[in-house]
Structure formats: structure tokens, C-alpha cells
Amino acid sequence: ISVNKDLHLFPASLSKLVQAIIITKKVEEGDLSWDKKLETKPEDISADSGELYKTIGDKSLTVEELLTELLVNSDNTAQNTFKHYLDVDDYIKFQDETGLLDLYNEQGLISAKEYTRLLRVLYTSSYLEPENSEKILEYMSRATFHGYLSQGIPSEIKFAHKYGENRDQFIFADSGIVYVPRKPYMLTVMIKGKDATAETRTWATGLMKEISDRAYKV
């Protein structure tokens, strides 16, 4: 079931999942290792999302520790640290090898349809080794953010998801796999509001809840 599935919007923190997959592929290929410590530079530290900025100081965290922060807490400091180990060619290679050639358009915008296909890449382990696909999905299921689509899913149901929000672009987004026994399903909702007011956020949050609740009850 889809509505405006090809509408392209700013990805906000949804892009962190792509980054996590590419970093994990580098571990599989031997360019990185889970226990390798990566330097976080002063300019990487960000208070925009996550809590790592409060404790990182001069410490160097391992790839796995940074990946955990990236997916569980949607941490921007972790995201900025990983950027030093990625370039445009890594993203092109990822899109070529997964067939997700339309994941980003020329403006770097994404659609709900293509992002949902990204979830399928993890669910079927068609790009990463099964244990690493599961590692990412497990971290996603431990996300500390429980708003948006989580509101329409019972707490006992596993929900591996990535949310995104950008107030400058008025973007509210959430996407994940709902592990209903014997009938798991994927759900992606991306909303562009008219402004960044609390009223718009409340509206977007309520719409997410309604959509998620209806999808769960189908």
C-alpha cells in the first residue's frame, strides 16, 4: 500500500542507516574492524542529536561503539566521525551493488519507496553477511526514540527502525520493520510540514500514530 511513494524529500537522519551499512561493509572487507578506534575531531562534536557530545572529550571510540550510538541514539557526533572514512565512491559502489540506483536523486533527496527497499536489503541479507545485517537491525530495534510510528505498535512487538527530523526543512520521518509474528511488514512515512512550529510537529506526530496504528491492525 503506498501514497506518494515517489515523492522525494530531504532524508534528515534516515541517511544514517545508509552510512551504517557502508561502514559495516568496510568491516567485512577488512578496511575497518569492529574494535578499531576512530578519532573524533573537535569539529565532529555536535549537540544536534544524541548525547555523545557530552562525554566524548578526547576519547576515541571503536567502530562498534560509534555504530551503536549512530543507530540507537541517532548520534550526530558518531555520524560526523564516520564521515572521515567515507567518500562519494563508497556511496556509488553501495548503490551499484544493491541496485538502489534511485535511492538518492541528484539533489540528495530520497523517496519512501526506495528507502523501504533499503530495509529489504537488510531483511534479506542481500548485501551484508546475515550476522551483520542482524547486528544493524538489532541496534535499530533498540532505538531510544519511541515517538512517530512507534506510537501505533504495541511495546512488546519488536520494531527495528530509523527516524529522522529536520526543522530547517520541516521534515518528519520514520521507517522500519515491524516484527509481527508470522507476518512482519515494512513501513516508511516521510512528511514535509509547512513550518517548524510545535503545532506542525504535533500534527505530524499524530498523523504518524494514525498511519502506524492502521497498518498494525490490518
N, C-alpha and C. Protein backbone atom coordinates (compact mmCIF):
# COMPACT_ATOMS: atom_id res chain seq x y z
N ILE A 1 0.86 -1.17 0.00
CA ILE A 1 0.00 0.00 0.00
C ILE A 1 0.90 1.22 0.00
N SER A 2 0.64 2.18 -0.87
CA SER A 2 1.51 3.34 -0.93
C SER A 2 0.75 4.61 -1.30
N VAL A 3 1.24 5.72 -0.78
CA VAL A 3 0.69 7.04 -1.09
C VAL A 3 1.88 7.96 -1.37
N ASN A 4 1.92 8.57 -2.54
CA ASN A 4 3.03 9.46 -2.90
C ASN A 4 4.39 8.81 -2.69
N LYS A 5 4.49 7.54 -3.07
CA LYS A 5 5.69 6.76 -2.78
C LYS A 5 6.95 7.30 -3.45
N ASP A 6 6.78 8.03 -4.56
CA ASP A 6 7.94 8.53 -5.31
C ASP A 6 8.26 10.00 -5.00
N LEU A 7 7.55 10.59 -4.05
CA LEU A 7 7.84 11.97 -3.66
C LEU A 7 9.20 12.02 -2.97
N HIS A 8 10.09 12.85 -3.44
CA HIS A 8 11.44 12.94 -2.88
C HIS A 8 11.53 14.07 -1.86
N LEU A 9 12.07 13.73 -0.69
CA LEU A 9 12.21 14.69 0.40
C LEU A 9 13.60 14.60 1.01
N PHE A 10 13.97 15.61 1.77
CA PHE A 10 15.26 15.61 2.47
C PHE A 10 15.31 14.45 3.46
N PRO A 11 16.37 13.63 3.45
CA PRO A 11 16.40 12.42 4.28
C PRO A 11 16.60 12.64 5.78
N ALA A 12 17.15 13.79 6.17
CA ALA A 12 17.48 14.02 7.58
C ALA A 12 18.28 12.83 8.11
N SER A 13 17.97 12.35 9.31
CA SER A 13 18.77 11.28 9.91
C SER A 13 18.51 9.89 9.32
N LEU A 14 17.57 9.78 8.39
CA LEU A 14 17.40 8.48 7.73
C LEU A 14 18.68 8.10 7.00
N SER A 15 19.48 9.08 6.60
CA SER A 15 20.72 8.80 5.88
C SER A 15 21.74 8.06 6.75
N LYS A 16 21.56 8.10 8.06
CA LYS A 16 22.50 7.42 8.95
C LYS A 16 22.48 5.91 8.77
N LEU A 17 21.35 5.37 8.35
CA LEU A 17 21.28 3.93 8.12
C LEU A 17 22.14 3.53 6.93
N VAL A 18 22.12 4.33 5.88
CA VAL A 18 22.97 4.06 4.72
C VAL A 18 24.44 4.09 5.15
N GLN A 19 24.78 5.08 5.94
CA GLN A 19 26.15 5.20 6.44
C GLN A 19 26.54 3.97 7.25
N ALA A 20 25.63 3.51 8.10
CA ALA A 20 25.91 2.34 8.94
C ALA A 20 26.16 1.09 8.10
N ILE A 21 25.38 0.92 7.04
CA ILE A 21 25.55 -0.25 6.18
C ILE A 21 26.89 -0.20 5.46
N ILE A 22 27.28 0.96 4.96
CA ILE A 22 28.54 1.08 4.24
C ILE A 22 29.73 0.87 5.18
N ILE A 23 29.65 1.42 6.38
CA ILE A 23 30.71 1.20 7.38
C ILE A 23 30.83 -0.29 7.70
N THR A 24 29.70 -0.95 7.86
CA THR A 24 29.71 -2.39 8.17
C THR A 24 30.33 -3.18 7.02
N LYS A 25 30.04 -2.78 5.79
CA LYS A 25 30.65 -3.44 4.63
C LYS A 25 32.17 -3.28 4.66
N LYS A 26 32.65 -2.14 5.09
CA LYS A 26 34.09 -1.92 5.19
C LYS A 26 34.71 -2.85 6.24
N VAL A 27 33.95 -3.15 7.28
CA VAL A 27 34.43 -4.11 8.27
C VAL A 27 34.53 -5.50 7.63
N GLU A 28 33.52 -5.88 6.89
CA GLU A 28 33.53 -7.19 6.22
C GLU A 28 34.70 -7.31 5.24
N GLU A 29 35.03 -6.23 4.58
CA GLU A 29 36.08 -6.26 3.56
C GLU A 29 37.47 -6.02 4.14
N GLY A 30 37.55 -5.79 5.46
CA GLY A 30 38.85 -5.65 6.11
C GLY A 30 39.43 -4.25 6.14
N ASP A 31 38.70 -3.27 5.63
CA ASP A 31 39.19 -1.89 5.67
C ASP A 31 39.07 -1.30 7.07
N LEU A 32 38.12 -1.80 7.84
CA LEU A 32 37.94 -1.42 9.23
C LEU A 32 37.72 -2.69 10.04
N SER A 33 37.72 -2.57 11.36
CA SER A 33 37.38 -3.70 12.24
C SER A 33 36.51 -3.16 13.35
N TRP A 34 35.73 -4.05 13.95
CA TRP A 34 34.79 -3.59 14.98
C TRP A 34 35.51 -2.95 16.16
N ASP A 35 36.73 -3.43 16.46
CA ASP A 35 37.44 -2.90 17.63
C ASP A 35 38.44 -1.79 17.30
N LYS A 36 38.47 -1.36 16.04
CA LYS A 36 39.36 -0.26 15.66
C LYS A 36 38.83 1.05 16.24
N LYS A 37 39.71 1.80 16.90
CA LYS A 37 39.31 3.07 17.48
C LYS A 37 39.45 4.19 16.45
N LEU A 38 38.40 5.02 16.34
CA LEU A 38 38.39 6.12 15.39
C LEU A 38 38.45 7.45 16.14
N GLU A 39 39.25 8.34 15.63
CA GLU A 39 39.41 9.65 16.27
C GLU A 39 38.22 10.56 15.96
N THR A 40 37.68 11.14 16.99
CA THR A 40 36.64 12.16 16.83
C THR A 40 37.30 13.52 16.98
N LYS A 41 37.25 14.31 15.90
CA LYS A 41 37.88 15.62 15.92
C LYS A 41 36.95 16.65 16.57
N PRO A 42 37.50 17.74 17.07
CA PRO A 42 36.67 18.76 17.73
C PRO A 42 35.51 19.23 16.85
N GLU A 43 35.77 19.35 15.54
CA GLU A 43 34.71 19.82 14.65
C GLU A 43 33.62 18.78 14.40
N ASP A 44 33.88 17.53 14.82
CA ASP A 44 32.87 16.47 14.67
C ASP A 44 31.81 16.52 15.75
N ILE A 45 32.13 17.12 16.87
CA ILE A 45 31.24 17.10 18.03
C ILE A 45 30.01 17.96 17.77
N SER A 46 28.83 17.35 17.93
CA SER A 46 27.57 18.03 17.65
C SER A 46 26.53 17.71 18.72
N ALA A 47 25.83 18.74 19.14
CA ALA A 47 24.76 18.57 20.13
C ALA A 47 23.40 18.49 19.47
N ASP A 48 23.35 18.44 18.15
CA ASP A 48 22.07 18.46 17.44
C ASP A 48 21.24 17.20 17.66
N SER A 49 21.92 16.06 17.83
CA SER A 49 21.20 14.80 18.06
C SER A 49 22.12 13.84 18.78
N GLY A 50 21.61 13.17 19.81
CA GLY A 50 22.43 12.25 20.59
C GLY A 50 23.09 12.93 21.78
N GLU A 51 23.73 12.12 22.62
CA GLU A 51 24.33 12.60 23.85
C GLU A 51 25.84 12.43 23.88
N LEU A 52 26.42 11.90 22.82
CA LEU A 52 27.86 11.60 22.81
C LEU A 52 28.71 12.86 23.01
N TYR A 53 28.21 13.98 22.56
CA TYR A 53 28.96 15.24 22.68
C TYR A 53 29.27 15.59 24.13
N LYS A 54 28.47 15.05 25.05
CA LYS A 54 28.66 15.36 26.47
C LYS A 54 29.82 14.59 27.08
N THR A 55 30.16 13.43 26.50
CA THR A 55 31.13 12.54 27.14
C THR A 55 32.35 12.20 26.30
N ILE A 56 32.33 12.52 25.00
CA ILE A 56 33.40 12.06 24.12
C ILE A 56 34.75 12.65 24.49
N GLY A 57 34.82 13.94 24.79
CA GLY A 57 36.09 14.56 25.18
C GLY A 57 37.20 14.23 24.20
N ASP A 58 38.32 13.73 24.73
CA ASP A 58 39.46 13.34 23.89
C ASP A 58 39.47 11.83 23.63
N LYS A 59 38.41 11.14 23.99
CA LYS A 59 38.38 9.68 23.83
C LYS A 59 38.22 9.29 22.37
N SER A 60 38.72 8.12 22.06
CA SER A 60 38.50 7.52 20.74
C SER A 60 37.63 6.29 20.96
N LEU A 61 36.51 6.22 20.26
CA LEU A 61 35.61 5.08 20.41
C LEU A 61 35.84 4.08 19.27
N THR A 62 35.47 2.84 19.51
CA THR A 62 35.62 1.82 18.48
C THR A 62 34.53 1.97 17.42
N VAL A 63 34.73 1.31 16.29
CA VAL A 63 33.73 1.33 15.23
C VAL A 63 32.39 0.83 15.76
N GLU A 64 32.42 -0.26 16.54
CA GLU A 64 31.16 -0.80 17.04
C GLU A 64 30.49 0.15 18.03
N GLU A 65 31.26 0.79 18.87
CA GLU A 65 30.68 1.76 19.82
C GLU A 65 30.04 2.93 19.08
N LEU A 66 30.70 3.40 18.04
CA LEU A 66 30.16 4.51 17.26
C LEU A 66 28.92 4.08 16.49
N LEU A 67 28.94 2.84 15.96
CA LEU A 67 27.77 2.33 15.23
C LEU A 67 26.57 2.23 16.16
N THR A 68 26.81 1.80 17.39
CA THR A 68 25.74 1.70 18.37
C THR A 68 25.12 3.08 18.62
N GLU A 69 25.97 4.08 18.83
CA GLU A 69 25.48 5.44 19.05
C GLU A 69 24.73 5.96 17.83
N LEU A 70 25.22 5.62 16.66
CA LEU A 70 24.61 6.10 15.42
C LEU A 70 23.18 5.60 15.27
N LEU A 71 22.96 4.31 15.56
CA LEU A 71 21.67 3.69 15.31
C LEU A 71 20.73 3.69 16.52
N VAL A 72 21.28 3.55 17.69
CA VAL A 72 20.44 3.52 18.89
C VAL A 72 20.02 4.94 19.29
N ASN A 73 20.97 5.87 19.23
CA ASN A 73 20.69 7.24 19.69
C ASN A 73 20.70 8.27 18.57
N SER A 74 20.83 7.82 17.32
CA SER A 74 20.87 8.73 16.16
C SER A 74 21.87 9.86 16.39
N ASP A 75 23.05 9.50 16.83
CA ASP A 75 24.03 10.48 17.29
C ASP A 75 24.76 11.15 16.12
N ASN A 76 24.74 12.48 16.11
CA ASN A 76 25.39 13.24 15.05
C ASN A 76 26.91 13.26 15.19
N THR A 77 27.41 13.18 16.41
CA THR A 77 28.86 13.14 16.60
C THR A 77 29.43 11.86 16.01
N ALA A 78 28.74 10.75 16.20
CA ALA A 78 29.17 9.48 15.60
C ALA A 78 29.12 9.58 14.08
N GLN A 79 28.05 10.18 13.57
CA GLN A 79 27.90 10.34 12.13
C GLN A 79 29.05 11.15 11.55
N ASN A 80 29.39 12.25 12.20
CA ASN A 80 30.47 13.11 11.72
C ASN A 80 31.82 12.40 11.78
N THR A 81 32.03 11.58 12.79
CA THR A 81 33.28 10.83 12.91
C THR A 81 33.42 9.84 11.76
N PHE A 82 32.36 9.14 11.43
CA PHE A 82 32.39 8.16 10.34
C PHE A 82 32.63 8.82 8.98
N LYS A 83 32.24 10.07 8.82
CA LYS A 83 32.38 10.73 7.52
C LYS A 83 33.82 10.79 7.04
N HIS A 84 34.77 10.77 7.98
CA HIS A 84 36.18 10.82 7.60
C HIS A 84 36.63 9.52 6.92
N TYR A 85 35.84 8.48 7.05
CA TYR A 85 36.21 7.17 6.50
C TYR A 85 35.34 6.79 5.30
N LEU A 86 34.60 7.76 4.78
CA LEU A 86 33.71 7.52 3.64
C LEU A 86 33.91 8.60 2.59
N ASP A 87 33.67 8.23 1.34
CA ASP A 87 33.68 9.23 0.28
C ASP A 87 32.55 8.92 -0.70
N VAL A 88 32.41 9.75 -1.71
CA VAL A 88 31.32 9.61 -2.67
C VAL A 88 31.36 8.25 -3.36
N ASP A 89 32.57 7.76 -3.65
CA ASP A 89 32.70 6.47 -4.34
C ASP A 89 32.10 5.33 -3.52
N ASP A 90 32.19 5.42 -2.19
CA ASP A 90 31.60 4.38 -1.33
C ASP A 90 30.09 4.32 -1.51
N TYR A 91 29.47 5.47 -1.64
CA TYR A 91 28.02 5.53 -1.82
C TYR A 91 27.62 5.04 -3.21
N ILE A 92 28.42 5.41 -4.21
CA ILE A 92 28.14 4.95 -5.57
C ILE A 92 28.26 3.44 -5.66
N LYS A 93 29.30 2.89 -5.04
CA LYS A 93 29.51 1.45 -5.02
C LYS A 93 28.34 0.75 -4.33
N PHE A 94 27.91 1.30 -3.21
CA PHE A 94 26.78 0.72 -2.47
C PHE A 94 25.53 0.68 -3.34
N GLN A 95 25.23 1.78 -4.00
CA GLN A 95 24.02 1.83 -4.83
C GLN A 95 24.13 0.89 -6.03
N ASP A 96 25.31 0.79 -6.61
CA ASP A 96 25.51 -0.11 -7.75
C ASP A 96 25.32 -1.57 -7.34
N GLU A 97 25.90 -1.95 -6.21
CA GLU A 97 25.88 -3.35 -5.79
C GLU A 97 24.54 -3.78 -5.20
N THR A 98 23.76 -2.84 -4.71
CA THR A 98 22.44 -3.19 -4.17
C THR A 98 21.33 -2.99 -5.20
N GLY A 99 21.64 -2.27 -6.28
CA GLY A 99 20.61 -1.96 -7.27
C GLY A 99 19.73 -0.80 -6.86
N LEU A 100 20.10 -0.11 -5.77
CA LEU A 100 19.31 1.03 -5.28
C LEU A 100 19.79 2.32 -5.96
N LEU A 101 19.76 2.30 -7.27
CA LEU A 101 20.29 3.43 -8.04
C LEU A 101 19.47 4.69 -7.87
N ASP A 102 18.21 4.55 -7.45
CA ASP A 102 17.33 5.71 -7.27
C ASP A 102 17.16 6.08 -5.81
N LEU A 103 18.01 5.53 -4.95
CA LEU A 103 17.87 5.83 -3.52
C LEU A 103 18.00 7.33 -3.27
N TYR A 104 18.99 7.96 -3.91
CA TYR A 104 19.15 9.41 -3.84
C TYR A 104 19.00 9.99 -5.25
N ASN A 105 18.31 11.12 -5.35
CA ASN A 105 18.28 11.78 -6.66
C ASN A 105 19.44 12.77 -6.74
N GLU A 106 19.50 13.57 -7.78
CA GLU A 106 20.63 14.47 -7.98
C GLU A 106 20.75 15.53 -6.88
N GLN A 107 19.65 15.79 -6.21
CA GLN A 107 19.67 16.77 -5.11
C GLN A 107 19.92 16.12 -3.75
N GLY A 108 20.13 14.80 -3.75
CA GLY A 108 20.36 14.10 -2.50
C GLY A 108 19.09 13.81 -1.71
N LEU A 109 17.93 13.89 -2.38
CA LEU A 109 16.65 13.62 -1.74
C LEU A 109 16.28 12.15 -1.93
N ILE A 110 15.43 11.64 -1.05
CA ILE A 110 15.03 10.23 -1.11
C ILE A 110 13.51 10.11 -1.15
N SER A 111 13.05 8.92 -1.50
CA SER A 111 11.61 8.65 -1.52
C SER A 111 11.30 7.52 -0.54
N ALA A 112 10.06 7.46 -0.10
CA ALA A 112 9.64 6.39 0.82
C ALA A 112 9.79 5.02 0.16
N LYS A 113 9.49 4.96 -1.13
CA LYS A 113 9.58 3.69 -1.85
C LYS A 113 11.00 3.13 -1.83
N GLU A 114 11.97 3.95 -2.20
CA GLU A 114 13.35 3.48 -2.27
C GLU A 114 13.92 3.21 -0.88
N TYR A 115 13.52 4.00 0.11
CA TYR A 115 14.04 3.77 1.45
C TYR A 115 13.51 2.45 2.00
N THR A 116 12.29 2.11 1.67
CA THR A 116 11.74 0.83 2.10
C THR A 116 12.50 -0.32 1.45
N ARG A 117 12.94 -0.13 0.21
CA ARG A 117 13.78 -1.15 -0.44
C ARG A 117 15.10 -1.31 0.30
N LEU A 118 15.59 -0.24 0.91
CA LEU A 118 16.81 -0.32 1.71
C LEU A 118 16.61 -1.25 2.90
N LEU A 119 15.44 -1.18 3.53
CA LEU A 119 15.13 -2.09 4.63
C LEU A 119 15.16 -3.54 4.16
N ARG A 120 14.67 -3.76 2.95
CA ARG A 120 14.64 -5.12 2.40
C ARG A 120 16.06 -5.68 2.22
N VAL A 121 17.01 -4.80 1.89
CA VAL A 121 18.40 -5.21 1.75
C VAL A 121 18.91 -5.81 3.05
N LEU A 122 18.50 -5.22 4.17
CA LEU A 122 18.89 -5.76 5.48
C LEU A 122 18.11 -7.02 5.83
N TYR A 123 16.81 -6.99 5.60
CA TYR A 123 15.95 -8.11 5.99
C TYR A 123 16.34 -9.39 5.27
N THR A 124 16.73 -9.27 4.00
CA THR A 124 17.10 -10.46 3.21
C THR A 124 18.60 -10.75 3.24
N SER A 125 19.38 -9.89 3.90
CA SER A 125 20.85 -10.03 3.93
C SER A 125 21.42 -10.18 2.52
N SER A 126 20.94 -9.35 1.61
CA SER A 126 21.39 -9.44 0.22
C SER A 126 22.66 -8.65 -0.05
N TYR A 127 23.12 -7.88 0.93
CA TYR A 127 24.34 -7.09 0.74
C TYR A 127 25.38 -7.40 1.81
N LEU A 128 24.97 -7.47 3.04
CA LEU A 128 25.86 -7.80 4.15
C LEU A 128 25.71 -9.26 4.54
N GLU A 129 26.70 -9.77 5.27
CA GLU A 129 26.58 -11.11 5.84
C GLU A 129 25.40 -11.14 6.81
N PRO A 130 24.69 -12.28 6.90
CA PRO A 130 23.50 -12.34 7.76
C PRO A 130 23.72 -11.83 9.18
N GLU A 131 24.86 -12.19 9.79
CA GLU A 131 25.09 -11.76 11.17
C GLU A 131 25.25 -10.25 11.28
N ASN A 132 25.75 -9.63 10.23
CA ASN A 132 25.93 -8.18 10.26
C ASN A 132 24.64 -7.44 9.93
N SER A 133 23.84 -8.01 9.06
CA SER A 133 22.51 -7.44 8.83
C SER A 133 21.71 -7.49 10.13
N GLU A 134 21.80 -8.62 10.84
CA GLU A 134 21.09 -8.76 12.10
C GLU A 134 21.63 -7.79 13.16
N LYS A 135 22.93 -7.56 13.13
CA LYS A 135 23.53 -6.63 14.09
C LYS A 135 22.91 -5.24 13.92
N ILE A 136 22.84 -4.78 12.68
CA ILE A 136 22.26 -3.46 12.41
C ILE A 136 20.80 -3.41 12.81
N LEU A 137 20.04 -4.43 12.43
CA LEU A 137 18.61 -4.46 12.77
C LEU A 137 18.40 -4.51 14.28
N GLU A 138 19.27 -5.21 14.98
CA GLU A 138 19.16 -5.27 16.43
C GLU A 138 19.39 -3.91 17.06
N TYR A 139 20.41 -3.20 16.59
CA TYR A 139 20.65 -1.84 17.10
C TYR A 139 19.46 -0.94 16.78
N MET A 140 18.89 -1.08 15.58
CA MET A 140 17.72 -0.27 15.22
C MET A 140 16.53 -0.56 16.13
N SER A 141 16.40 -1.81 16.56
CA SER A 141 15.28 -2.18 17.44
C SER A 141 15.47 -1.64 18.85
N ARG A 142 16.69 -1.21 19.17
CA ARG A 142 16.98 -0.65 20.50
C ARG A 142 16.96 0.88 20.48
N ALA A 143 16.48 1.46 19.40
CA ALA A 143 16.44 2.92 19.28
C ALA A 143 15.74 3.54 20.48
N THR A 144 16.32 4.61 20.99
CA THR A 144 15.76 5.25 22.18
C THR A 144 14.58 6.16 21.86
N PHE A 145 14.38 6.45 20.58
CA PHE A 145 13.27 7.31 20.17
C PHE A 145 12.01 6.45 20.01
N HIS A 146 10.95 6.79 20.75
CA HIS A 146 9.73 5.99 20.72
C HIS A 146 8.51 6.80 20.28
N GLY A 147 8.76 7.89 19.56
CA GLY A 147 7.65 8.66 19.02
C GLY A 147 7.31 8.19 17.62
N TYR A 148 6.61 9.02 16.88
CA TYR A 148 6.25 8.74 15.48
C TYR A 148 5.60 7.36 15.32
N LEU A 149 6.15 6.49 14.49
CA LEU A 149 5.50 5.21 14.17
C LEU A 149 5.42 4.26 15.36
N SER A 150 6.34 4.40 16.30
CA SER A 150 6.33 3.52 17.47
C SER A 150 5.03 3.63 18.26
N GLN A 151 4.36 4.78 18.15
CA GLN A 151 3.14 5.01 18.91
C GLN A 151 2.01 4.04 18.54
N GLY A 152 2.02 3.56 17.30
CA GLY A 152 0.95 2.67 16.84
C GLY A 152 1.29 1.20 16.93
N ILE A 153 2.41 0.88 17.59
CA ILE A 153 2.87 -0.51 17.67
C ILE A 153 2.99 -0.90 19.14
N PRO A 154 2.37 -2.01 19.56
CA PRO A 154 2.47 -2.44 20.95
C PRO A 154 3.92 -2.58 21.38
N SER A 155 4.21 -2.23 22.61
CA SER A 155 5.59 -2.22 23.10
C SER A 155 6.26 -3.59 23.05
N GLU A 156 5.45 -4.65 23.09
CA GLU A 156 6.04 -5.99 23.09
C GLU A 156 6.44 -6.46 21.69
N ILE A 157 6.05 -5.71 20.66
CA ILE A 157 6.39 -6.06 19.28
C ILE A 157 7.71 -5.38 18.90
N LYS A 158 8.65 -6.17 18.42
CA LYS A 158 9.95 -5.62 18.01
C LYS A 158 9.77 -4.71 16.81
N PHE A 159 10.39 -3.53 16.87
CA PHE A 159 10.31 -2.56 15.79
C PHE A 159 11.72 -2.04 15.52
N ALA A 160 12.33 -2.50 14.45
CA ALA A 160 13.67 -2.05 14.05
C ALA A 160 13.51 -0.87 13.11
N HIS A 161 13.84 0.32 13.58
CA HIS A 161 13.53 1.50 12.77
C HIS A 161 14.58 2.59 12.88
N LYS A 162 14.51 3.51 11.94
CA LYS A 162 15.35 4.72 11.94
C LYS A 162 14.43 5.91 11.73
N TYR A 163 14.53 6.90 12.59
CA TYR A 163 13.70 8.10 12.43
C TYR A 163 14.58 9.27 12.00
N GLY A 164 13.94 10.27 11.45
CA GLY A 164 14.67 11.46 11.04
C GLY A 164 13.82 12.69 11.24
N GLU A 165 14.47 13.80 11.54
CA GLU A 165 13.76 15.06 11.73
C GLU A 165 14.69 16.21 11.39
N ASN A 166 14.21 17.15 10.61
CA ASN A 166 15.00 18.32 10.28
C ASN A 166 14.08 19.55 10.31
N ARG A 167 14.31 20.42 11.25
CA ARG A 167 13.40 21.55 11.44
C ARG A 167 13.58 22.63 10.37
N ASP A 168 14.79 22.70 9.80
CA ASP A 168 15.01 23.68 8.74
C ASP A 168 14.22 23.33 7.48
N GLN A 169 14.11 22.02 7.22
CA GLN A 169 13.39 21.53 6.04
C GLN A 169 11.95 21.10 6.37
N PHE A 170 11.59 21.18 7.66
CA PHE A 170 10.25 20.78 8.13
C PHE A 170 9.98 19.30 7.83
N ILE A 171 11.00 18.46 8.03
CA ILE A 171 10.89 17.04 7.71
C ILE A 171 10.66 16.22 8.98
N PHE A 172 9.72 15.28 8.90
CA PHE A 172 9.43 14.34 9.97
C PHE A 172 9.34 12.96 9.32
N ALA A 173 10.18 12.01 9.71
CA ALA A 173 10.23 10.73 9.01
C ALA A 173 10.52 9.58 9.96
N ASP A 174 10.04 8.42 9.60
CA ASP A 174 10.30 7.21 10.37
C ASP A 174 10.12 6.02 9.43
N SER A 175 11.00 5.04 9.57
CA SER A 175 10.94 3.88 8.68
C SER A 175 11.50 2.66 9.39
N GLY A 176 10.80 1.53 9.27
CA GLY A 176 11.31 0.34 9.93
C GLY A 176 10.55 -0.92 9.60
N ILE A 177 10.99 -2.00 10.23
CA ILE A 177 10.38 -3.32 10.08
C ILE A 177 9.65 -3.65 11.38
N VAL A 178 8.38 -3.98 11.26
CA VAL A 178 7.56 -4.34 12.41
C VAL A 178 7.49 -5.87 12.45
N TYR A 179 8.07 -6.46 13.49
CA TYR A 179 8.20 -7.91 13.55
C TYR A 179 6.97 -8.57 14.18
N VAL A 180 5.85 -8.41 13.52
CA VAL A 180 4.65 -9.13 13.96
C VAL A 180 4.86 -10.62 13.69
N PRO A 181 4.64 -11.49 14.66
CA PRO A 181 4.85 -12.93 14.44
C PRO A 181 4.11 -13.44 13.21
N ARG A 182 4.84 -14.11 12.34
CA ARG A 182 4.33 -14.76 11.13
C ARG A 182 3.89 -13.78 10.04
N LYS A 183 3.90 -12.48 10.30
CA LYS A 183 3.55 -11.54 9.24
C LYS A 183 4.24 -10.17 9.45
N PRO A 184 5.58 -10.18 9.46
CA PRO A 184 6.29 -8.91 9.61
C PRO A 184 6.04 -8.01 8.41
N TYR A 185 6.12 -6.73 8.60
CA TYR A 185 5.91 -5.79 7.49
C TYR A 185 6.82 -4.58 7.64
N MET A 186 7.02 -3.89 6.52
CA MET A 186 7.84 -2.69 6.50
C MET A 186 6.93 -1.47 6.37
N LEU A 187 7.32 -0.39 7.01
CA LEU A 187 6.52 0.83 6.97
C LEU A 187 7.45 2.04 6.95
N THR A 188 7.25 2.91 5.97
CA THR A 188 8.02 4.15 5.86
C THR A 188 7.06 5.32 5.69
N VAL A 189 7.21 6.33 6.52
CA VAL A 189 6.40 7.54 6.40
C VAL A 189 7.33 8.74 6.43
N MET A 190 7.23 9.58 5.41
CA MET A 190 8.01 10.81 5.34
C MET A 190 7.05 11.98 5.13
N ILE A 191 7.13 12.96 6.00
CA ILE A 191 6.21 14.10 5.97
C ILE A 191 6.99 15.40 5.88
N LYS A 192 6.55 16.29 5.02
CA LYS A 192 7.10 17.64 4.98
C LYS A 192 6.01 18.59 5.46
N GLY A 193 6.25 19.23 6.58
CA GLY A 193 5.28 20.15 7.14
C GLY A 193 5.39 21.54 6.53
N LYS A 194 4.55 22.45 6.98
CA LYS A 194 4.54 23.81 6.43
C LYS A 194 5.50 24.73 7.19
N ASP A 195 5.89 24.33 8.40
CA ASP A 195 6.83 25.14 9.18
C ASP A 195 7.40 24.26 10.30
N ALA A 196 8.19 24.86 11.17
CA ALA A 196 8.83 24.08 12.24
C ALA A 196 8.22 24.36 13.60
N THR A 197 6.98 24.80 13.62
CA THR A 197 6.33 25.12 14.89
C THR A 197 5.95 23.85 15.64
N ALA A 198 5.70 24.00 16.93
CA ALA A 198 5.26 22.88 17.76
C ALA A 198 3.94 22.33 17.25
N GLU A 199 3.11 23.19 16.72
CA GLU A 199 1.82 22.76 16.19
C GLU A 199 2.00 21.80 15.00
N THR A 200 2.93 22.13 14.11
CA THR A 200 3.19 21.26 12.96
C THR A 200 3.77 19.93 13.41
N ARG A 201 4.68 19.96 14.38
CA ARG A 201 5.27 18.71 14.88
C ARG A 201 4.21 17.84 15.53
N THR A 202 3.31 18.46 16.27
CA THR A 202 2.22 17.71 16.90
C THR A 202 1.33 17.07 15.83
N TRP A 203 1.05 17.83 14.79
CA TRP A 203 0.24 17.29 13.68
C TRP A 203 0.94 16.11 13.02
N ALA A 204 2.23 16.25 12.73
CA ALA A 204 2.99 15.18 12.08
C ALA A 204 3.06 13.95 12.97
N THR A 205 3.26 14.17 14.27
CA THR A 205 3.32 13.06 15.21
C THR A 205 1.99 12.32 15.28
N GLY A 206 0.90 13.06 15.28
CA GLY A 206 -0.42 12.43 15.30
C GLY A 206 -0.72 11.66 14.04
N LEU A 207 -0.30 12.20 12.90
CA LEU A 207 -0.51 11.51 11.63
C LEU A 207 0.29 10.22 11.58
N MET A 208 1.52 10.26 12.06
CA MET A 208 2.35 9.05 12.13
C MET A 208 1.65 7.98 12.97
N LYS A 209 1.15 8.38 14.12
CA LYS A 209 0.48 7.43 15.01
C LYS A 209 -0.71 6.80 14.32
N GLU A 210 -1.51 7.60 13.64
CA GLU A 210 -2.70 7.08 12.97
C GLU A 210 -2.34 6.10 11.86
N ILE A 211 -1.36 6.44 11.05
CA ILE A 211 -0.94 5.56 9.97
C ILE A 211 -0.39 4.25 10.53
N SER A 212 0.47 4.36 11.55
CA SER A 212 1.07 3.16 12.13
C SER A 212 0.03 2.27 12.77
N ASP A 213 -0.91 2.89 13.47
CA ASP A 213 -1.97 2.12 14.14
C ASP A 213 -2.82 1.36 13.12
N ARG A 214 -3.17 2.01 12.02
CA ARG A 214 -3.97 1.37 10.99
C ARG A 214 -3.20 0.23 10.31
N ALA A 215 -1.90 0.47 10.05
CA ALA A 215 -1.10 -0.57 9.41
C ALA A 215 -0.99 -1.79 10.31
N TYR A 216 -0.81 -1.58 11.59
CA TYR A 216 -0.67 -2.70 12.53
C TYR A 216 -1.95 -3.53 12.62
N LYS A 217 -3.08 -2.86 12.51
CA LYS A 217 -4.37 -3.56 12.68
C LYS A 217 -4.86 -4.24 11.41
N VAL A 218 -4.20 -4.03 10.28
CA VAL A 218 -4.63 -4.66 9.04
C VAL A 218 -4.51 -6.18 9.14
